[in-house]
Amino acid sequence: MTLNCKGTLIDLTTPKVMGVLNITPDSFFDGGKYKNEVDILRQVEKMLFDGAAFIDVGAYSSKPGALHVSEEEELKRIVPVINLLIQNFPEIIISTDTFRSKVALETVGNGAAIINDISGGNLDAEMFTTVAQLKVPYILMHMLGTPQNMQKNPVYKDVIAEIISFFAAKINQLHQLNLSDIVIDMGFGFGKTNAHNFEILKNLSLFKSLEAPILAGLSRKSMLYKTLDISAQEALNATTSANTIALLNGANILRVHDVKEAVEAVKIVAQIK
């Protein structure tokens, strides 16, 4: 199981860690933390040193109820950061966290190697054809609704069956466009109740039937900190616990704010796999 990232083949037989770099003022955990070049470079250097295989750069906050940001503003935020990272870390593999095809096009043109779309192509009709033309790996996430309304009242008859069905249809569409490097992300917390989130985590191995690498994005999410009645800042231990369950159930990529601890979880789980 490999991903072709601009000619570099990443082997996912051993799970990999994706470090999160939010350059938004209002992200739920680290909003406004990385505003200048020094802070950004210091954080990315730390994540790469700690063992991140990918850095996921996002300029549009997708937390529940987040403010909508224009395409122009998203591009203004993200393109200079991609250029900065490529200049300072020439070997870096950057994933762009966007649901907009124009942002995908511009950032890949500036050196990004992966597109991570929270909407699974549902918020921009051009996204699938764009990533197919760009020939970059595509992270296909499941979300019910939009970031503005997804947590209002998410309802499923059978959450696992419905998400598998969603992925099967989308993967088929992408295959018809000759895009084969597809990663699936269940979208923990994106249009799901806590009960839905834990049911998905428990049954993560069922998604293996789709024959695509699985990304688990559990880092410091409300499903963890609300369950424990703590804050996102206090949820590192809970994150490691959830990441360990995800790895045992077949996750190939962990998307996290804390790279060192996730890499340690991968190493520990590898001892019993």
Protein backbone atom coordinates (compact mmCIF):
# COMPACT_ATOMS: atom_id res chain seq x y z
CA MET A 1 0.00 0.00 0.00
CA THR A 2 1.79 3.14 -1.24
CA LEU A 3 1.09 6.79 -2.08
CA ASN A 4 2.91 8.52 -4.92
CA CYS A 5 3.70 12.00 -3.62
CA LYS A 6 5.33 13.87 -6.51
CA GLY A 7 7.50 10.89 -7.38
CA THR A 8 8.25 9.88 -3.78
CA LEU A 9 6.59 6.57 -2.92
CA ILE A 10 5.36 6.49 0.67
CA ASP A 11 4.87 2.96 1.99
CA LEU A 12 1.84 2.79 4.29
CA THR A 13 2.44 -0.83 5.35
CA THR A 14 3.90 0.82 8.45
CA PRO A 15 1.42 3.55 9.51
CA LYS A 16 2.57 7.13 9.01
CA VAL A 17 1.91 10.33 10.95
CA MET A 18 0.57 13.56 9.45
CA GLY A 19 1.32 16.71 11.45
CA VAL A 20 -1.30 19.46 11.48
CA LEU A 21 -0.37 23.08 10.77
CA ASN A 22 -3.41 25.35 11.17
CA ILE A 23 -2.77 28.88 9.90
CA THR A 24 -6.29 29.97 10.82
CA PRO A 25 -7.05 32.42 13.63
CA ASP A 26 -9.99 30.32 14.89
CA SER A 27 -9.08 26.62 14.77
CA PHE A 28 -10.44 24.71 17.77
CA PHE A 29 -7.10 23.75 19.33
CA ASP A 30 -4.25 25.87 17.95
CA GLY A 31 -6.09 28.80 16.33
CA GLY A 32 -3.91 31.89 15.95
CA LYS A 33 -0.84 30.12 17.30
CA TYR A 34 1.21 30.13 14.07
CA LYS A 35 0.90 33.66 12.72
CA ASN A 36 4.45 34.54 11.71
CA GLU A 37 7.21 32.82 9.74
CA VAL A 38 9.39 32.08 12.78
CA ASP A 39 6.57 30.31 14.67
CA ILE A 40 5.51 28.38 11.56
CA LEU A 41 9.05 27.20 10.73
CA ARG A 42 9.78 26.27 14.35
CA GLN A 43 6.60 24.17 14.61
CA VAL A 44 7.11 22.41 11.26
CA GLU A 45 10.77 21.69 12.05
CA LYS A 46 9.68 20.12 15.34
CA MET A 47 7.01 17.97 13.65
CA LEU A 48 9.45 16.75 10.97
CA PHE A 49 12.10 16.04 13.61
CA ASP A 50 9.53 14.09 15.66
CA GLY A 51 8.79 11.87 12.67
CA ALA A 52 5.94 13.37 10.62
CA ALA A 53 5.82 11.93 7.09
CA PHE A 54 3.40 14.65 5.94
CA ILE A 55 2.50 18.18 7.02
CA ASP A 56 -1.17 19.11 6.53
CA VAL A 57 -1.58 22.87 6.04
CA GLY A 58 -5.04 24.36 6.52
CA ALA A 59 -6.23 27.96 6.08
CA TYR A 60 -9.98 27.42 6.53
CA SER A 61 -11.21 26.46 9.99
CA SER A 62 -13.66 23.56 9.79
CA LYS A 63 -14.57 23.38 13.47
CA PRO A 64 -18.35 23.19 14.10
CA GLY A 65 -19.90 26.60 13.45
CA ALA A 66 -16.66 28.09 12.09
CA LEU A 67 -16.82 31.37 10.18
CA HIS A 68 -16.90 31.05 6.39
CA VAL A 69 -13.72 32.33 4.71
CA SER A 70 -13.58 33.51 1.09
CA GLU A 71 -11.50 31.66 -1.51
CA GLU A 72 -9.37 34.79 -1.95
CA GLU A 73 -8.62 34.95 1.80
CA GLU A 74 -7.83 31.22 1.94
CA LEU A 75 -5.34 31.57 -0.94
CA LYS A 76 -3.80 34.69 0.61
CA ARG A 77 -3.20 32.76 3.83
CA ILE A 78 -1.97 29.46 2.44
CA VAL A 79 0.16 30.04 -0.68
CA PRO A 80 2.92 32.06 1.06
CA VAL A 81 3.15 29.40 3.80
CA ILE A 82 3.54 26.58 1.24
CA ASN A 83 6.31 28.56 -0.47
CA LEU A 84 7.99 29.22 2.88
CA LEU A 85 7.95 25.51 3.81
CA ILE A 86 9.24 24.32 0.41
CA GLN A 87 12.10 26.84 0.57
CA ASN A 88 13.14 25.79 4.07
CA PHE A 89 12.42 22.05 3.90
CA PRO A 90 12.94 20.96 0.26
CA GLU A 91 12.07 17.30 1.01
CA ILE A 92 8.80 18.10 2.81
CA ILE A 93 5.56 16.42 1.69
CA ILE A 94 2.77 18.98 2.10
CA SER A 95 -0.91 18.14 2.18
CA THR A 96 -3.32 21.01 1.50
CA ASP A 97 -6.41 20.92 3.69
CA THR A 98 -9.04 22.49 1.38
CA PHE A 99 -12.39 21.74 -0.24
CA ARG A 100 -11.84 24.23 -3.09
CA SER A 101 -10.48 23.13 -6.47
CA LYS A 102 -8.82 26.49 -7.14
CA VAL A 103 -6.92 26.30 -3.84
CA ALA A 104 -5.94 22.71 -4.72
CA LEU A 105 -4.65 23.86 -8.12
CA GLU A 106 -2.70 26.83 -6.77
CA THR A 107 -1.11 25.00 -3.84
CA VAL A 108 -0.04 21.97 -5.87
CA GLY A 109 1.42 24.43 -8.39
CA ASN A 110 3.43 25.89 -5.52
CA GLY A 111 4.70 22.54 -4.24
CA ALA A 112 1.97 20.77 -2.24
CA ALA A 113 1.78 17.03 -2.94
CA ILE A 114 -1.58 15.87 -1.49
CA ILE A 115 -5.11 17.30 -1.34
CA ASN A 116 -7.10 16.70 1.85
CA ASP A 117 -10.79 17.52 1.24
CA ILE A 118 -13.13 17.53 4.25
CA SER A 119 -16.14 17.59 1.92
CA GLY A 120 -15.28 14.55 -0.21
CA GLY A 121 -15.92 16.62 -3.32
CA ASN A 122 -19.38 17.76 -2.18
CA LEU A 123 -18.58 21.48 -1.76
CA ASP A 124 -16.89 22.03 -5.14
CA ALA A 125 -18.09 20.24 -8.29
CA GLU A 126 -14.67 20.76 -9.92
CA MET A 127 -12.62 19.10 -7.16
CA PHE A 128 -12.57 15.54 -8.53
CA THR A 129 -11.58 16.51 -12.07
CA THR A 130 -8.95 18.91 -10.67
CA VAL A 131 -7.21 16.33 -8.47
CA ALA A 132 -7.40 13.79 -11.29
CA GLN A 133 -5.64 16.24 -13.63
CA LEU A 134 -3.08 17.10 -10.94
CA LYS A 135 -2.42 13.37 -10.37
CA VAL A 136 -1.86 13.84 -6.63
CA PRO A 137 -3.10 11.63 -3.77
CA TYR A 138 -6.54 12.67 -2.57
CA ILE A 139 -7.84 12.32 0.99
CA LEU A 140 -11.58 11.73 0.73
CA MET A 141 -13.40 12.61 3.94
CA HIS A 142 -17.00 11.98 4.95
CA MET A 143 -18.93 14.93 6.32
CA LEU A 144 -22.67 15.34 6.81
CA GLY A 145 -23.62 18.91 5.82
CA THR A 146 -21.13 21.79 6.08
CA PRO A 147 -18.85 23.01 8.92
CA GLN A 148 -21.51 25.65 9.64
CA ASN A 149 -24.38 23.16 10.21
CA MET A 150 -22.87 19.65 10.50
CA GLN A 151 -23.32 19.30 14.25
CA LYS A 152 -26.90 20.65 14.46
CA ASN A 153 -28.61 17.23 14.50
CA PRO A 154 -26.73 14.48 12.64
CA VAL A 155 -28.96 11.43 12.05
CA TYR A 156 -28.14 8.05 10.46
CA LYS A 157 -30.10 4.82 10.19
CA ASP A 158 -26.80 2.88 10.13
CA VAL A 159 -23.74 5.10 10.41
CA ILE A 160 -21.21 2.44 9.29
CA ALA A 161 -23.21 1.21 6.29
CA GLU A 162 -24.02 4.75 5.14
CA ILE A 163 -20.40 5.94 5.29
CA ILE A 164 -19.14 2.81 3.51
CA SER A 165 -21.76 3.39 0.81
CA PHE A 166 -20.67 7.05 0.49
CA PHE A 167 -17.02 6.03 0.07
CA ALA A 168 -17.80 3.25 -2.41
CA ALA A 169 -19.66 5.67 -4.70
CA LYS A 170 -16.99 8.39 -4.46
CA ILE A 171 -14.10 5.96 -5.01
CA ASN A 172 -15.88 4.65 -8.10
CA GLN A 173 -16.22 8.22 -9.45
CA LEU A 174 -12.52 8.90 -8.84
CA HIS A 175 -11.45 5.61 -10.45
CA GLN A 176 -13.42 6.59 -13.57
CA LEU A 177 -11.26 9.72 -13.70
CA ASN A 178 -8.14 7.50 -13.43
CA LEU A 179 -7.26 8.67 -9.92
CA SER A 180 -6.03 5.70 -7.92
CA ASP A 181 -4.18 7.26 -4.94
CA ILE A 182 -7.19 7.69 -2.64
CA VAL A 183 -7.11 7.78 1.17
CA ILE A 184 -10.38 7.58 3.14
CA ASP A 185 -11.10 9.56 6.30
CA MET A 186 -14.26 8.79 8.30
CA GLY A 187 -14.52 12.41 9.44
CA PHE A 188 -14.68 11.99 13.20
CA GLY A 189 -16.75 14.90 14.56
CA PHE A 190 -17.94 16.05 11.13
CA GLY A 191 -21.70 15.59 11.26
CA LYS A 192 -21.61 12.85 13.90
CA THR A 193 -22.65 12.52 17.52
CA ASN A 194 -20.28 11.14 20.14
CA ALA A 195 -22.05 7.77 19.88
CA HIS A 196 -21.52 7.77 16.09
CA ASN A 197 -17.83 8.66 16.51
CA PHE A 198 -17.13 5.82 18.93
CA GLU A 199 -19.10 3.33 16.84
CA ILE A 200 -16.94 4.26 13.83
CA LEU A 201 -13.73 3.94 15.86
CA LYS A 202 -14.82 0.55 17.20
CA ASN A 203 -15.65 -0.69 13.68
CA LEU A 204 -12.82 0.99 11.76
CA SER A 205 -11.58 -2.36 10.43
CA LEU A 206 -14.83 -2.75 8.43
CA PHE A 207 -13.67 0.09 6.17
CA LYS A 208 -10.77 -2.11 5.04
CA SER A 209 -13.28 -3.67 2.62
CA LEU A 210 -12.91 -0.52 0.49
CA GLU A 211 -9.24 -1.39 -0.17
CA ALA A 212 -8.04 2.17 0.44
CA PRO A 213 -5.64 3.47 3.11
CA ILE A 214 -7.46 4.77 6.19
CA LEU A 215 -6.67 8.11 7.81
CA ALA A 216 -7.81 8.67 11.39
CA GLY A 217 -8.18 12.28 12.53
CA LEU A 218 -8.90 12.02 16.24
CA SER A 219 -6.42 14.50 17.65
CA ARG A 220 -7.80 16.45 20.63
CA LYS A 221 -11.36 16.27 19.25
CA SER A 222 -14.48 16.98 21.28
CA MET A 223 -15.51 13.30 21.20
CA LEU A 224 -12.51 12.77 23.51
CA TYR A 225 -12.45 15.85 25.71
CA LYS A 226 -16.23 16.07 26.18
CA THR A 227 -16.34 12.39 27.16
CA LEU A 228 -13.74 13.12 29.86
CA ASP A 229 -15.10 16.58 30.76
CA ILE A 230 -11.74 18.24 30.07
CA SER A 231 -10.47 20.80 27.52
CA ALA A 232 -8.83 20.18 24.13
CA GLN A 233 -5.57 21.37 25.72
CA GLU A 234 -5.81 18.52 28.25
CA ALA A 235 -6.68 15.82 25.70
CA LEU A 236 -3.26 14.53 24.64
CA ASN A 237 -3.49 11.32 26.66
CA ALA A 238 -7.02 10.69 25.36
CA THR A 239 -5.75 11.29 21.82
CA THR A 240 -3.00 8.70 22.24
CA SER A 241 -5.54 6.18 23.57
CA ALA A 242 -7.85 6.78 20.60
CA ASN A 243 -4.96 6.67 18.11
CA THR A 244 -3.86 3.33 19.55
CA ILE A 245 -7.37 1.89 19.05
CA ALA A 246 -7.39 3.27 15.49
CA LEU A 247 -4.01 1.64 14.73
CA LEU A 248 -5.16 -1.70 16.14
CA ASN A 249 -8.24 -1.44 13.89
CA GLY A 250 -6.26 -0.77 10.73
CA ALA A 251 -5.52 2.98 10.45
CA ASN A 252 -2.67 3.73 8.02
CA ILE A 253 -2.26 7.46 8.73
CA LEU A 254 -2.75 9.38 11.99
CA ARG A 255 -3.47 13.09 11.53
CA VAL A 256 -2.34 14.81 14.73
CA HIS A 257 -1.26 17.99 16.48
CA ASP A 258 1.29 16.06 18.59
CA VAL A 259 3.59 14.09 16.30
CA LYS A 260 6.04 12.61 18.81
CA GLU A 261 3.33 10.84 20.82
CA ALA A 262 1.62 9.50 17.67
CA VAL A 263 4.91 8.12 16.31
CA GLU A 264 5.44 6.39 19.67
CA ALA A 265 1.95 4.85 19.45
CA VAL A 266 2.79 3.51 15.95
CA LYS A 267 6.02 1.95 17.27
CA ILE A 268 4.31 0.31 20.26
CA VAL A 269 1.43 -1.13 18.20
CA ALA A 270 3.95 -2.44 15.64
CA GLN A 271 5.36 -4.71 18.37
CA ILE A 272 2.13 -6.70 18.61
CA LYS A 273 0.96 -6.52 14.98
